[in-house]
Each structure stands twice: as C-alpha cells, then as structure tokens.
Protein backbone atom coordinates (compact mmCIF):
# COMPACT_ATOMS: atom_id res chain seq x y z
CA UNK A 1 -42.15 -77.73 42.51
CA UNK A 2 -40.32 -75.07 42.57
CA UNK A 3 -40.39 -71.50 41.27
CA UNK A 4 -37.96 -70.29 38.84
CA UNK A 5 -37.07 -66.11 39.02
CA UNK A 6 -39.54 -64.09 40.46
CA UNK A 7 -40.61 -62.65 44.05
CA UNK A 8 -41.06 -64.54 46.63
CA UNK A 9 -44.87 -64.17 46.45
CA UNK A 10 -45.22 -63.30 42.95
CA UNK A 11 -45.28 -59.69 44.28
CA UNK A 12 -42.57 -56.54 43.39
CA UNK A 13 -39.83 -56.01 45.89
CA UNK A 14 -40.28 -52.87 47.49
CA UNK A 15 -37.90 -50.47 45.70
CA UNK A 16 -39.15 -52.03 42.81
CA UNK A 17 -42.49 -50.43 42.89
CA UNK A 18 -41.80 -47.16 44.12
CA UNK A 19 -39.05 -46.91 40.98
CA UNK A 20 -42.07 -48.39 38.98
CA UNK A 21 -44.31 -44.68 40.69
CA UNK A 22 -41.92 -41.99 40.07
CA UNK A 23 -41.85 -43.57 36.41
CA UNK A 24 -45.32 -42.75 35.75
CA UNK A 25 -45.04 -39.56 38.03
CA UNK A 26 -42.24 -38.13 36.16
CA UNK A 27 -44.21 -39.65 32.51
CA UNK A 28 -47.83 -37.85 33.22
CA UNK A 29 -44.82 -34.46 34.22
CA UNK A 30 -43.23 -34.63 30.79
CA UNK A 31 -47.09 -35.21 29.58
CA UNK A 32 -48.01 -31.97 30.70
CA UNK A 33 -44.67 -30.07 30.05
CA UNK A 34 -45.16 -30.96 26.30
CA UNK A 35 -48.99 -29.69 26.67
CA UNK A 36 -47.59 -26.48 28.11
CA UNK A 37 -44.87 -26.03 25.76
CA UNK A 38 -46.94 -26.79 23.10
CA UNK A 39 -49.54 -23.97 24.16
CA UNK A 40 -45.95 -21.13 24.45
CA UNK A 41 -45.33 -18.67 21.72
CA UNK A 42 -41.70 -17.99 21.05
CA UNK A 43 -41.29 -14.86 18.90
CA UNK A 44 -37.92 -13.70 17.35
CA UNK A 45 -36.30 -10.80 15.39
CA UNK A 46 -34.17 -10.86 12.59
CA UNK A 47 -32.37 -7.32 11.11
CA UNK A 48 -32.26 -4.96 14.18
CA UNK A 49 -36.42 -5.77 14.05
CA UNK A 50 -36.86 -5.82 10.76
CA UNK A 51 -38.01 -9.31 10.64
CA UNK A 52 -40.60 -10.66 13.70
CA UNK A 53 -41.85 -14.00 13.80
CA UNK A 54 -43.73 -15.61 16.35
CA UNK A 55 -43.95 -19.51 16.22
CA UNK A 56 -45.80 -22.05 18.62
CA UNK A 57 -44.52 -24.60 21.11
CA UNK A 58 -45.05 -27.23 17.49
CA UNK A 59 -42.88 -24.83 15.61
CA UNK A 60 -46.00 -23.55 13.51
CA UNK A 61 -45.53 -19.77 12.28
CA UNK A 62 -47.92 -17.99 14.14
CA UNK A 63 -46.82 -14.35 12.73
CA UNK A 64 -44.41 -12.73 10.25
CA UNK A 65 -44.08 -8.69 10.41
CA UNK A 66 -42.19 -7.24 7.85
CA UNK A 67 -40.49 -3.46 8.63
CA UNK A 68 -41.67 -1.69 5.19
CA UNK A 69 -38.42 -0.34 4.89
CA UNK A 70 -37.35 -4.20 4.56
CA UNK A 71 -39.04 -4.69 1.76
CA UNK A 72 -36.81 -3.73 -1.35
CA UNK A 73 -37.15 -4.79 -4.66
CA UNK A 74 -33.74 -5.39 -5.53
CA UNK A 75 -33.10 -6.95 -2.46
CA UNK A 76 -34.96 -10.22 -2.44
CA UNK A 77 -32.20 -11.93 -0.93
CA UNK A 78 -31.54 -9.82 2.49
CA UNK A 79 -35.49 -10.66 2.72
CA UNK A 80 -34.96 -14.06 2.19
CA UNK A 81 -32.43 -14.63 4.98
CA UNK A 82 -33.35 -12.23 7.53
CA UNK A 83 -36.81 -14.43 7.46
CA UNK A 84 -35.02 -17.80 7.81
CA UNK A 85 -32.74 -15.40 10.15
CA UNK A 86 -35.52 -14.85 12.57
CA UNK A 87 -37.52 -18.48 11.78
CA UNK A 88 -34.09 -20.30 12.46
CA UNK A 89 -34.00 -17.88 15.92
CA UNK A 90 -37.23 -18.37 17.45
CA UNK A 91 -37.57 -22.20 16.95
CA UNK A 92 -33.37 -22.25 18.79
CA UNK A 93 -36.11 -21.39 21.49
CA UNK A 94 -38.76 -23.33 21.24
CA UNK A 95 -35.99 -26.01 21.41
CA UNK A 96 -34.23 -24.86 24.31
CA UNK A 97 -37.22 -24.20 26.39
CA UNK A 98 -37.86 -28.65 26.04
CA UNK A 99 -34.37 -28.79 27.16
CA UNK A 100 -35.15 -27.00 30.31
CA UNK A 101 -38.18 -28.84 30.91
CA UNK A 102 -36.51 -32.19 30.17
CA UNK A 103 -33.94 -31.57 32.15
CA UNK A 104 -35.84 -30.03 35.25
CA UNK A 105 -37.64 -33.97 34.96
CA UNK A 106 -33.95 -35.99 34.63
CA UNK A 107 -32.44 -34.05 36.68
CA UNK A 108 -32.53 -36.31 39.38
CA UNK A 109 -31.78 -39.39 37.18
CA UNK A 110 -27.81 -39.11 36.31
CA UNK A 111 -27.09 -41.75 38.60
CA UNK A 112 -29.77 -44.63 36.84
CA UNK A 113 -27.44 -48.12 36.60
CA UNK A 114 -28.33 -47.56 32.19
C-alpha cells in the first residue's frame, strides 16, 4: 500500500518545525507580556488634576483621589463626568500598552499568507 498525503518519514519538514518553534516562543512571550501588563498600574487625571484614578492592567480601579475643590454638592454631575473621564483615560492607557506589546510581538508577521 502506498502512503497518501503527509511527508516522507512521517515527520514535519524543517520549515514547519521552525514555524512551530517560533509560534511556541511567541506564545510564551505573549503570556509573559500579559502578566507584566496585569501587574502594571496606570494613572490618569481629569479636571486639571482634580480627579485622579489609578487602574491595574486588568482594568480594575486601584485608587480614586478627589480634590476637595471639586466636591460641590450643587454640581454632582461635573464630578461624575470628571470621574468617568479619568477612568476612561486610564483604561485607554491600558489598551495602548497592550497594543504596543502585541505590536512588538507580531511586527514581523505581516508577510504570512493568512
């Protein structure tokens, strides 16, 4: 009986083996980058520093600081808007850092056929 398909000897050709090793190395680097990102903290301010928020790379709020000047019982909406703006900016920093880390890993993969 003749073999159908596959490669002679049943093994992977050299290029495929190298590609698998590169993929495994990239996966390890991605996991390491993810751990580093999650351990990082990002701080953003709004209202000229009246509201400051610090979040983790997991997008969990670690701290929120309000300047006494921004706490006006007659203008709660402004305070709410500043808090939302600071949180969104901090989350944007997390997204940007994550995107940069992925770009460094995948920068050389633009020529793949898929």
